[in-house]
Amino acid sequence: MGHPARLLPKVIKRSLDNLTRTSEQGEIINDVRKEMDDLLSKLKGTGKARMKGRARKEGWDTVRHLRGEYREREKRCVTEIVKWSEVGTLLTS
């Protein structure tokens, strides 16, 4: 655990950040994040690329929903990784 910039190169592969990103759940989290970022760029865009009217309101509602889903999935992913790690095993014994 710790900030990736402060970890030794030999332990980066086993860091919580890396395990979260490379896990199956992490891939889903990345997909949700990409979808959210794409929608935000359309909502904040300028000119013709910017969403307007009802579509804009629905877009912001979708962003709120995606943020909640992102946080929930990330929390679940971290919990599962810690639960099945040696640290998690030691803590639950």
PDB file of N, CA and C in Angstrom:
ATOM      1  N   MET A   1       0.846  -1.176   0.000  1.00  0.00           N
ATOM      2  CA  MET A   1       0.000   0.000   0.000  1.00  0.00           C
ATOM      3  C   MET A   1       0.889   1.236   0.000  1.00  0.00           C
ATOM      4  N   GLY A   2       0.377   2.309  -0.484  1.00  0.00           N
ATOM      5  CA  GLY A   2       1.117   3.550  -0.533  1.00  0.00           C
ATOM      6  C   GLY A   2       1.023   4.158  -1.917  1.00  0.00           C
ATOM      7  N   HIS A   3       1.486   5.371  -2.031  1.00  0.00           N
ATOM      8  CA  HIS A   3       1.460   6.064  -3.308  1.00  0.00           C
ATOM      9  C   HIS A   3       2.437   5.386  -4.268  1.00  0.00           C
ATOM     10  N   PRO A   4       2.011   5.081  -5.508  1.00  0.00           N
ATOM     11  CA  PRO A   4       2.870   4.371  -6.453  1.00  0.00           C
ATOM     12  C   PRO A   4       4.218   5.041  -6.714  1.00  0.00           C
ATOM     13  N   ALA A   5       4.284   6.357  -6.633  1.00  0.00           N
ATOM     14  CA  ALA A   5       5.542   7.067  -6.882  1.00  0.00           C
ATOM     15  C   ALA A   5       6.559   6.828  -5.768  1.00  0.00           C
ATOM     16  N   ARG A   6       6.087   6.405  -4.623  1.00  0.00           N
ATOM     17  CA  ARG A   6       6.987   6.202  -3.479  1.00  0.00           C
ATOM     18  C   ARG A   6       7.323   4.735  -3.227  1.00  0.00           C
ATOM     19  N   LEU A   7       6.818   3.851  -4.075  1.00  0.00           N
ATOM     20  CA  LEU A   7       7.074   2.425  -3.884  1.00  0.00           C
ATOM     21  C   LEU A   7       8.352   1.998  -4.586  1.00  0.00           C
ATOM     22  N   LEU A   8       8.976   1.001  -4.044  1.00  0.00           N
ATOM     23  CA  LEU A   8      10.157   0.428  -4.687  1.00  0.00           C
ATOM     24  C   LEU A   8       9.725  -0.305  -5.959  1.00  0.00           C
ATOM     25  N   PRO A   9      10.552  -0.251  -6.999  1.00  0.00           N
ATOM     26  CA  PRO A   9      10.179  -0.902  -8.266  1.00  0.00           C
ATOM     27  C   PRO A   9       9.824  -2.386  -8.115  1.00  0.00           C
ATOM     28  N   LYS A  10      10.479  -3.083  -7.187  1.00  0.00           N
ATOM     29  CA  LYS A  10      10.222  -4.513  -7.050  1.00  0.00           C
ATOM     30  C   LYS A  10       8.868  -4.830  -6.402  1.00  0.00           C
ATOM     31  N   VAL A  11       8.217  -3.861  -5.791  1.00  0.00           N
ATOM     32  CA  VAL A  11       6.917  -4.122  -5.162  1.00  0.00           C
ATOM     33  C   VAL A  11       5.743  -3.467  -5.891  1.00  0.00           C
ATOM     34  N   ILE A  12       6.020  -2.729  -6.939  1.00  0.00           N
ATOM     35  CA  ILE A  12       4.945  -2.029  -7.653  1.00  0.00           C
ATOM     36  C   ILE A  12       3.912  -3.013  -8.202  1.00  0.00           C
ATOM     37  N   LYS A  13       4.373  -4.171  -8.714  1.00  0.00           N
ATOM     38  CA  LYS A  13       3.446  -5.150  -9.276  1.00  0.00           C
ATOM     39  C   LYS A  13       2.452  -5.670  -8.240  1.00  0.00           C
ATOM     40  N   ARG A  14       2.829  -5.644  -6.987  1.00  0.00           N
ATOM     41  CA  ARG A  14       1.963  -6.167  -5.927  1.00  0.00           C
ATOM     42  C   ARG A  14       1.256  -5.062  -5.152  1.00  0.00           C
ATOM     43  N   SER A  15       1.381  -3.816  -5.634  1.00  0.00           N
ATOM     44  CA  SER A  15       0.735  -2.702  -4.932  1.00  0.00           C
ATOM     45  C   SER A  15      -0.775  -2.763  -5.123  1.00  0.00           C
ATOM     46  N   LEU A  16      -1.496  -2.210  -4.179  1.00  0.00           N
ATOM     47  CA  LEU A  16      -2.953  -2.195  -4.252  1.00  0.00           C
ATOM     48  C   LEU A  16      -3.426  -1.456  -5.498  1.00  0.00           C
ATOM     49  N   ASP A  17      -2.772  -0.354  -5.822  1.00  0.00           N
ATOM     50  CA  ASP A  17      -3.132   0.425  -7.005  1.00  0.00           C
ATOM     51  C   ASP A  17      -3.004  -0.428  -8.268  1.00  0.00           C
ATOM     52  N   ASN A  18      -1.898  -1.108  -8.420  1.00  0.00           N
ATOM     53  CA  ASN A  18      -1.670  -1.935  -9.602  1.00  0.00           C
ATOM     54  C   ASN A  18      -2.626  -3.120  -9.648  1.00  0.00           C
ATOM     55  N   LEU A  19      -2.825  -3.792  -8.520  1.00  0.00           N
ATOM     56  CA  LEU A  19      -3.741  -4.927  -8.479  1.00  0.00           C
ATOM     57  C   LEU A  19      -5.174  -4.502  -8.801  1.00  0.00           C
ATOM     58  N   THR A  20      -5.544  -3.330  -8.354  1.00  0.00           N
ATOM     59  CA  THR A  20      -6.883  -2.817  -8.650  1.00  0.00           C
ATOM     60  C   THR A  20      -7.044  -2.559 -10.139  1.00  0.00           C
ATOM     61  N   ARG A  21      -6.037  -1.932 -10.750  1.00  0.00           N
ATOM     62  CA  ARG A  21      -6.121  -1.616 -12.187  1.00  0.00           C
ATOM     63  C   ARG A  21      -6.081  -2.851 -13.077  1.00  0.00           C
ATOM     64  N   THR A  22      -5.330  -3.870 -12.680  1.00  0.00           N
ATOM     65  CA  THR A  22      -5.137  -5.025 -13.549  1.00  0.00           C
ATOM     66  C   THR A  22      -6.107  -6.170 -13.287  1.00  0.00           C
ATOM     67  N   SER A  23      -6.921  -6.065 -12.272  1.00  0.00           N
ATOM     68  CA  SER A  23      -7.891  -7.123 -11.985  1.00  0.00           C
ATOM     69  C   SER A  23      -9.050  -7.065 -12.978  1.00  0.00           C
ATOM     70  N   GLU A  24      -9.836  -8.135 -13.003  1.00  0.00           N
ATOM     71  CA  GLU A  24     -11.004  -8.172 -13.883  1.00  0.00           C
ATOM     72  C   GLU A  24     -11.986  -7.055 -13.517  1.00  0.00           C
ATOM     73  N   GLN A  25     -12.193  -6.864 -12.232  1.00  0.00           N
ATOM     74  CA  GLN A  25     -13.077  -5.784 -11.779  1.00  0.00           C
ATOM     75  C   GLN A  25     -12.485  -4.429 -12.141  1.00  0.00           C
ATOM     76  N   GLY A  26     -11.161  -4.322 -12.098  1.00  0.00           N
ATOM     77  CA  GLY A  26     -10.490  -3.079 -12.454  1.00  0.00           C
ATOM     78  C   GLY A  26     -10.736  -2.682 -13.899  1.00  0.00           C
ATOM     79  N   GLU A  27     -10.826  -3.670 -14.775  1.00  0.00           N
ATOM     80  CA  GLU A  27     -11.114  -3.384 -16.182  1.00  0.00           C
ATOM     81  C   GLU A  27     -12.516  -2.808 -16.331  1.00  0.00           C
ATOM     82  N   ILE A  28     -13.459  -3.336 -15.567  1.00  0.00           N
ATOM     83  CA  ILE A  28     -14.827  -2.811 -15.599  1.00  0.00           C
ATOM     84  C   ILE A  28     -14.837  -1.384 -15.058  1.00  0.00           C
ATOM     85  N   ILE A  29     -14.088  -1.151 -13.979  1.00  0.00           N
ATOM     86  CA  ILE A  29     -13.995   0.188 -13.401  1.00  0.00           C
ATOM     87  C   ILE A  29     -13.426   1.163 -14.425  1.00  0.00           C
ATOM     88  N   ASN A  30     -12.400   0.743 -15.153  1.00  0.00           N
ATOM     89  CA  ASN A  30     -11.810   1.599 -16.190  1.00  0.00           C
ATOM     90  C   ASN A  30     -12.805   1.894 -17.296  1.00  0.00           C
ATOM     91  N   ASP A  31     -13.636   0.907 -17.661  1.00  0.00           N
ATOM     92  CA  ASP A  31     -14.659   1.131 -18.685  1.00  0.00           C
ATOM     93  C   ASP A  31     -15.695   2.150 -18.221  1.00  0.00           C
ATOM     94  N   VAL A  32     -16.112   2.042 -16.956  1.00  0.00           N
ATOM     95  CA  VAL A  32     -17.080   3.007 -16.402  1.00  0.00           C
ATOM     96  C   VAL A  32     -16.455   4.400 -16.407  1.00  0.00           C
ATOM     97  N   ARG A  33     -15.180   4.496 -16.011  1.00  0.00           N
ATOM     98  CA  ARG A  33     -14.494   5.785 -15.973  1.00  0.00           C
ATOM     99  C   ARG A  33     -14.392   6.399 -17.375  1.00  0.00           C
ATOM    100  N   LYS A  34     -14.075   5.560 -18.367  1.00  0.00           N
ATOM    101  CA  LYS A  34     -13.961   6.057 -19.745  1.00  0.00           C
ATOM    102  C   LYS A  34     -15.314   6.559 -20.251  1.00  0.00           C
ATOM    103  N   GLU A  35     -16.375   5.801 -19.960  1.00  0.00           N
ATOM    104  CA  GLU A  35     -17.711   6.221 -20.369  1.00  0.00           C
ATOM    105  C   GLU A  35     -18.082   7.557 -19.719  1.00  0.00           C
ATOM    106  N   MET A  36     -17.756   7.691 -18.440  1.00  0.00           N
ATOM    107  CA  MET A  36     -18.039   8.923 -17.716  1.00  0.00           C
ATOM    108  C   MET A  36     -17.234  10.090 -18.307  1.00  0.00           C
ATOM    109  N   ASP A  37     -15.959   9.873 -18.583  1.00  0.00           N
ATOM    110  CA  ASP A  37     -15.114  10.924 -19.150  1.00  0.00           C
ATOM    111  C   ASP A  37     -15.588  11.351 -20.535  1.00  0.00           C
ATOM    112  N   ASP A  38     -15.989  10.380 -21.359  1.00  0.00           N
ATOM    113  CA  ASP A  38     -16.498  10.699 -22.699  1.00  0.00           C
ATOM    114  C   ASP A  38     -17.758  11.556 -22.617  1.00  0.00           C
ATOM    115  N   LEU A  39     -18.651  11.186 -21.715  1.00  0.00           N
ATOM    116  CA  LEU A  39     -19.888  11.940 -21.554  1.00  0.00           C
ATOM    117  C   LEU A  39     -19.607  13.337 -21.011  1.00  0.00           C
ATOM    118  N   LEU A  40     -18.699  13.452 -20.067  1.00  0.00           N
ATOM    119  CA  LEU A  40     -18.344  14.766 -19.524  1.00  0.00           C
ATOM    120  C   LEU A  40     -17.754  15.670 -20.599  1.00  0.00           C
ATOM    121  N   SER A  41     -16.954  15.110 -21.493  1.00  0.00           N
ATOM    122  CA  SER A  41     -16.368  15.943 -22.550  1.00  0.00           C
ATOM    123  C   SER A  41     -17.456  16.453 -23.493  1.00  0.00           C
ATOM    124  N   LYS A  42     -18.493  15.647 -23.730  1.00  0.00           N
ATOM    125  CA  LYS A  42     -19.615  16.105 -24.561  1.00  0.00           C
ATOM    126  C   LYS A  42     -20.415  17.189 -23.839  1.00  0.00           C
ATOM    127  N   LEU A  43     -20.576  17.024 -22.528  1.00  0.00           N
ATOM    128  CA  LEU A  43     -21.348  17.997 -21.758  1.00  0.00           C
ATOM    129  C   LEU A  43     -20.617  19.325 -21.625  1.00  0.00           C
ATOM    130  N   LYS A  44     -19.299  19.273 -21.519  1.00  0.00           N
ATOM    131  CA  LYS A  44     -18.513  20.495 -21.337  1.00  0.00           C
ATOM    132  C   LYS A  44     -17.959  21.039 -22.641  1.00  0.00           C
ATOM    133  N   GLY A  45     -18.228  20.357 -23.740  1.00  0.00           N
ATOM    134  CA  GLY A  45     -17.708  20.776 -25.038  1.00  0.00           C
ATOM    135  C   GLY A  45     -18.237  22.143 -25.447  1.00  0.00           C
ATOM    136  N   THR A  46     -17.686  22.664 -26.511  1.00  0.00           N
ATOM    137  CA  THR A  46     -18.112  23.970 -27.012  1.00  0.00           C
ATOM    138  C   THR A  46     -18.687  23.822 -28.415  1.00  0.00           C
ATOM    139  N   GLY A  47     -19.467  24.792 -28.792  1.00  0.00           N
ATOM    140  CA  GLY A  47     -20.017  24.814 -30.142  1.00  0.00           C
ATOM    141  C   GLY A  47     -20.979  23.673 -30.408  1.00  0.00           C
ATOM    142  N   LYS A  48     -20.873  23.092 -31.590  1.00  0.00           N
ATOM    143  CA  LYS A  48     -21.783  22.024 -32.008  1.00  0.00           C
ATOM    144  C   LYS A  48     -21.586  20.740 -31.214  1.00  0.00           C
ATOM    145  N   ALA A  49     -20.399  20.539 -30.655  1.00  0.00           N
ATOM    146  CA  ALA A  49     -20.110  19.318 -29.908  1.00  0.00           C
ATOM    147  C   ALA A  49     -20.809  19.298 -28.547  1.00  0.00           C
ATOM    148  N   ARG A  50     -21.257  20.446 -28.069  1.00  0.00           N
ATOM    149  CA  ARG A  50     -21.861  20.540 -26.740  1.00  0.00           C
ATOM    150  C   ARG A  50     -23.310  20.066 -26.765  1.00  0.00           C
ATOM    151  N   MET A  51     -23.678  19.262 -25.774  1.00  0.00           N
ATOM    152  CA  MET A  51     -25.049  18.776 -25.653  1.00  0.00           C
ATOM    153  C   MET A  51     -25.933  19.917 -25.156  1.00  0.00           C
ATOM    154  N   LYS A  52     -27.187  19.917 -25.610  1.00  0.00           N
ATOM    155  CA  LYS A  52     -28.103  20.995 -25.235  1.00  0.00           C
ATOM    156  C   LYS A  52     -29.457  20.442 -24.823  1.00  0.00           C
ATOM    157  N   GLY A  53     -30.184  21.274 -24.084  1.00  0.00           N
ATOM    158  CA  GLY A  53     -31.559  20.973 -23.722  1.00  0.00           C
ATOM    159  C   GLY A  53     -31.723  19.742 -22.855  1.00  0.00           C
ATOM    160  N   ARG A  54     -32.735  18.966 -23.207  1.00  0.00           N
ATOM    161  CA  ARG A  54     -33.086  17.761 -22.438  1.00  0.00           C
ATOM    162  C   ARG A  54     -31.949  16.745 -22.435  1.00  0.00           C
ATOM    163  N   ALA A  55     -31.258  16.615 -23.554  1.00  0.00           N
ATOM    164  CA  ALA A  55     -30.139  15.668 -23.646  1.00  0.00           C
ATOM    165  C   ALA A  55     -29.053  16.038 -22.642  1.00  0.00           C
ATOM    166  N   ARG A  56     -28.860  17.341 -22.447  1.00  0.00           N
ATOM    167  CA  ARG A  56     -27.848  17.803 -21.486  1.00  0.00           C
ATOM    168  C   ARG A  56     -28.235  17.421 -20.056  1.00  0.00           C
ATOM    169  N   LYS A  57     -29.503  17.629 -19.713  1.00  0.00           N
ATOM    170  CA  LYS A  57     -29.972  17.260 -18.374  1.00  0.00           C
ATOM    171  C   LYS A  57     -29.848  15.754 -18.168  1.00  0.00           C
ATOM    172  N   GLU A  58     -30.266  14.982 -19.147  1.00  0.00           N
ATOM    173  CA  GLU A  58     -30.154  13.530 -19.047  1.00  0.00           C
ATOM    174  C   GLU A  58     -28.678  13.099 -18.964  1.00  0.00           C
ATOM    175  N   GLY A  59     -27.825  13.815 -19.664  1.00  0.00           N
ATOM    176  CA  GLY A  59     -26.390  13.531 -19.612  1.00  0.00           C
ATOM    177  C   GLY A  59     -25.836  13.711 -18.215  1.00  0.00           C
ATOM    178  N   TRP A  60     -26.208  14.814 -17.562  1.00  0.00           N
ATOM    179  CA  TRP A  60     -25.731  15.045 -16.190  1.00  0.00           C
ATOM    180  C   TRP A  60     -26.295  14.014 -15.218  1.00  0.00           C
ATOM    181  N   ASP A  61     -27.551  13.587 -15.441  1.00  0.00           N
ATOM    182  CA  ASP A  61     -28.128  12.529 -14.609  1.00  0.00           C
ATOM    183  C   ASP A  61     -27.333  11.236 -14.784  1.00  0.00           C
ATOM    184  N   THR A  62     -26.950  10.942 -16.006  1.00  0.00           N
ATOM    185  CA  THR A  62     -26.160   9.747 -16.282  1.00  0.00           C
ATOM    186  C   THR A  62     -24.787   9.841 -15.634  1.00  0.00           C
ATOM    187  N   VAL A  63     -24.172  11.023 -15.669  1.00  0.00           N
ATOM    188  CA  VAL A  63     -22.861  11.220 -15.040  1.00  0.00           C
ATOM    189  C   VAL A  63     -22.967  10.960 -13.542  1.00  0.00           C
ATOM    190  N   ARG A  64     -24.002  11.470 -12.904  1.00  0.00           N
ATOM    191  CA  ARG A  64     -24.196  11.236 -11.467  1.00  0.00           C
ATOM    192  C   ARG A  64     -24.326   9.736 -11.179  1.00  0.00           C
ATOM    193  N   HIS A  65     -25.094   9.055 -12.011  1.00  0.00           N
ATOM    194  CA  HIS A  65     -25.262   7.610 -11.837  1.00  0.00           C
ATOM    195  C   HIS A  65     -23.927   6.885 -12.029  1.00  0.00           C
ATOM    196  N   LEU A  66     -23.176   7.251 -13.060  1.00  0.00           N
ATOM    197  CA  LEU A  66     -21.888   6.615 -13.338  1.00  0.00           C
ATOM    198  C   LEU A  66     -20.876   6.871 -12.219  1.00  0.00           C
ATOM    199  N   ARG A  67     -20.890   8.071 -11.648  1.00  0.00           N
ATOM    200  CA  ARG A  67     -19.990   8.366 -10.525  1.00  0.00           C
ATOM    201  C   ARG A  67     -20.271   7.452  -9.344  1.00  0.00           C
ATOM    202  N   GLY A  68     -21.546   7.261  -9.048  1.00  0.00           N
ATOM    203  CA  GLY A  68     -21.916   6.375  -7.957  1.00  0.00           C
ATOM    204  C   GLY A  68     -21.500   4.940  -8.241  1.00  0.00           C
ATOM    205  N   GLU A  69     -21.740   4.504  -9.462  1.00  0.00           N
ATOM    206  CA  GLU A  69     -21.351   3.147  -9.842  1.00  0.00           C
ATOM    207  C   GLU A  69     -19.834   2.983  -9.774  1.00  0.00           C
ATOM    208  N   TYR A  70     -19.102   3.999 -10.231  1.00  0.00           N
ATOM    209  CA  TYR A  70     -17.636   3.967 -10.205  1.00  0.00           C
ATOM    210  C   TYR A  70     -17.121   3.813  -8.769  1.00  0.00           C
ATOM    211  N   ARG A  71     -17.637   4.639  -7.875  1.00  0.00           N
ATOM    212  CA  ARG A  71     -17.201   4.579  -6.473  1.00  0.00           C
ATOM    213  C   ARG A  71     -17.530   3.221  -5.843  1.00  0.00           C
ATOM    214  N   GLU A  72     -18.734   2.724  -6.101  1.00  0.00           N
ATOM    215  CA  GLU A  72     -19.160   1.458  -5.525  1.00  0.00           C
ATOM    216  C   GLU A  72     -18.308   0.300  -6.047  1.00  0.00           C
ATOM    217  N   ARG A  73     -18.065   0.263  -7.344  1.00  0.00           N
ATOM    218  CA  ARG A  73     -17.254  -0.812  -7.920  1.00  0.00           C
ATOM    219  C   ARG A  73     -15.808  -0.743  -7.427  1.00  0.00           C
ATOM    220  N   GLU A  74     -15.269   0.466  -7.328  1.00  0.00           N
ATOM    221  CA  GLU A  74     -13.900   0.624  -6.852  1.00  0.00           C
ATOM    222  C   GLU A  74     -13.782   0.154  -5.394  1.00  0.00           C
ATOM    223  N   LYS A  75     -14.742   0.519  -4.595  1.00  0.00           N
ATOM    224  CA  LYS A  75     -14.750   0.106  -3.186  1.00  0.00           C
ATOM    225  C   LYS A  75     -14.821  -1.414  -3.077  1.00  0.00           C
ATOM    226  N   ARG A  76     -15.706  -2.034  -3.859  1.00  0.00           N
ATOM    227  CA  ARG A  76     -15.844  -3.485  -3.848  1.00  0.00           C
ATOM    228  C   ARG A  76     -14.561  -4.176  -4.311  1.00  0.00           C
ATOM    229  N   CYS A  77     -13.935  -3.623  -5.340  1.00  0.00           N
ATOM    230  CA  CYS A  77     -12.700  -4.191  -5.873  1.00  0.00           C
ATOM    231  C   CYS A  77     -11.586  -4.156  -4.827  1.00  0.00           C
ATOM    232  N   VAL A  78     -11.393  -3.022  -4.199  1.00  0.00           N
ATOM    233  CA  VAL A  78     -10.356  -2.882  -3.178  1.00  0.00           C
ATOM    234  C   VAL A  78     -10.639  -3.822  -2.008  1.00  0.00           C
ATOM    235  N   THR A  79     -11.881  -3.903  -1.586  1.00  0.00           N
ATOM    236  CA  THR A  79     -12.262  -4.784  -0.482  1.00  0.00           C
ATOM    237  C   THR A  79     -11.937  -6.235  -0.810  1.00  0.00           C
ATOM    238  N   GLU A  80     -12.257  -6.677  -2.018  1.00  0.00           N
ATOM    239  CA  GLU A  80     -11.984  -8.059  -2.420  1.00  0.00           C
ATOM    240  C   GLU A  80     -10.485  -8.335  -2.480  1.00  0.00           C
ATOM    241  N   ILE A  81      -9.715  -7.404  -3.023  1.00  0.00           N
ATOM    242  CA  ILE A  81      -8.268  -7.602  -3.114  1.00  0.00           C
ATOM    243  C   ILE A  81      -7.662  -7.716  -1.720  1.00  0.00           C
ATOM    244  N   VAL A  82      -8.044  -6.817  -0.823  1.00  0.00           N
ATOM    245  CA  VAL A  82      -7.504  -6.849   0.533  1.00  0.00           C
ATOM    246  C   VAL A  82      -7.980  -8.103   1.264  1.00  0.00           C
ATOM    247  N   LYS A  83      -9.214  -8.478   1.042  1.00  0.00           N
ATOM    248  CA  LYS A  83      -9.778  -9.654   1.700  1.00  0.00           C
ATOM    249  C   LYS A  83      -9.003 -10.917   1.331  1.00  0.00           C
ATOM    250  N   TRP A  84      -8.608 -11.057   0.088  1.00  0.00           N
ATOM    251  CA  TRP A  84      -7.925 -12.268  -0.365  1.00  0.00           C
ATOM    252  C   TRP A  84      -6.409 -12.159  -0.343  1.00  0.00           C
ATOM    253  N   SER A  85      -5.874 -11.040   0.087  1.00  0.00           N
ATOM    254  CA  SER A  85      -4.421 -10.898   0.175  1.00  0.00           C
ATOM    255  C   SER A  85      -3.926 -11.493   1.492  1.00  0.00           C
ATOM    256  N   GLU A  86      -2.620 -11.641   1.602  1.00  0.00           N
ATOM    257  CA  GLU A  86      -2.044 -12.151   2.839  1.00  0.00           C
ATOM    258  C   GLU A  86      -2.347 -11.211   3.997  1.00  0.00           C
ATOM    259  N   VAL A  87      -2.338  -9.917   3.736  1.00  0.00           N
ATOM    260  CA  VAL A  87      -2.655  -8.944   4.780  1.00  0.00           C
ATOM    261  C   VAL A  87      -4.086  -9.133   5.230  1.00  0.00           C
ATOM    262  N   GLY A  88      -4.997  -9.272   4.267  1.00  0.00           N
ATOM    263  CA  GLY A  88      -6.391  -9.492   4.609  1.00  0.00           C
ATOM    264  C   GLY A  88      -6.595 -10.761   5.400  1.00  0.00           C
ATOM    265  N   THR A  89      -5.856 -11.816   5.057  1.00  0.00           N
ATOM    266  CA  THR A  89      -5.936 -13.080   5.780  1.00  0.00           C
ATOM    267  C   THR A  89      -5.449 -12.913   7.206  1.00  0.00           C
ATOM    268  N   LEU A  90      -4.369 -12.171   7.377  1.00  0.00           N
ATOM    269  CA  LEU A  90      -3.823 -11.954   8.726  1.00  0.00           C
ATOM    270  C   LEU A  90      -4.778 -11.125   9.573  1.00  0.00           C
ATOM    271  N   LEU A  91      -5.418 -10.149   8.942  1.00  0.00           N
ATOM    272  CA  LEU A  91      -6.318  -9.275   9.686  1.00  0.00           C
ATOM    273  C   LEU A  91      -7.587  -9.989  10.119  1.00  0.00           C
ATOM    274  N   THR A  92      -8.048 -10.966   9.326  1.00  0.00           N
ATOM    275  CA  THR A  92      -9.292 -11.631   9.662  1.00  0.00           C
ATOM    276  C   THR A  92      -9.092 -12.830  10.555  1.00  0.00           C
ATOM    277  N   SER A  93      -7.852 -13.234  10.790  1.00  0.00           N
ATOM    278  CA  SER A  93      -7.585 -14.401  11.646  1.00  0.00           C
ATOM    279  C   SER A  93      -7.597 -14.039  13.106  1.00  0.00           C
TER     280      SER A  93
END
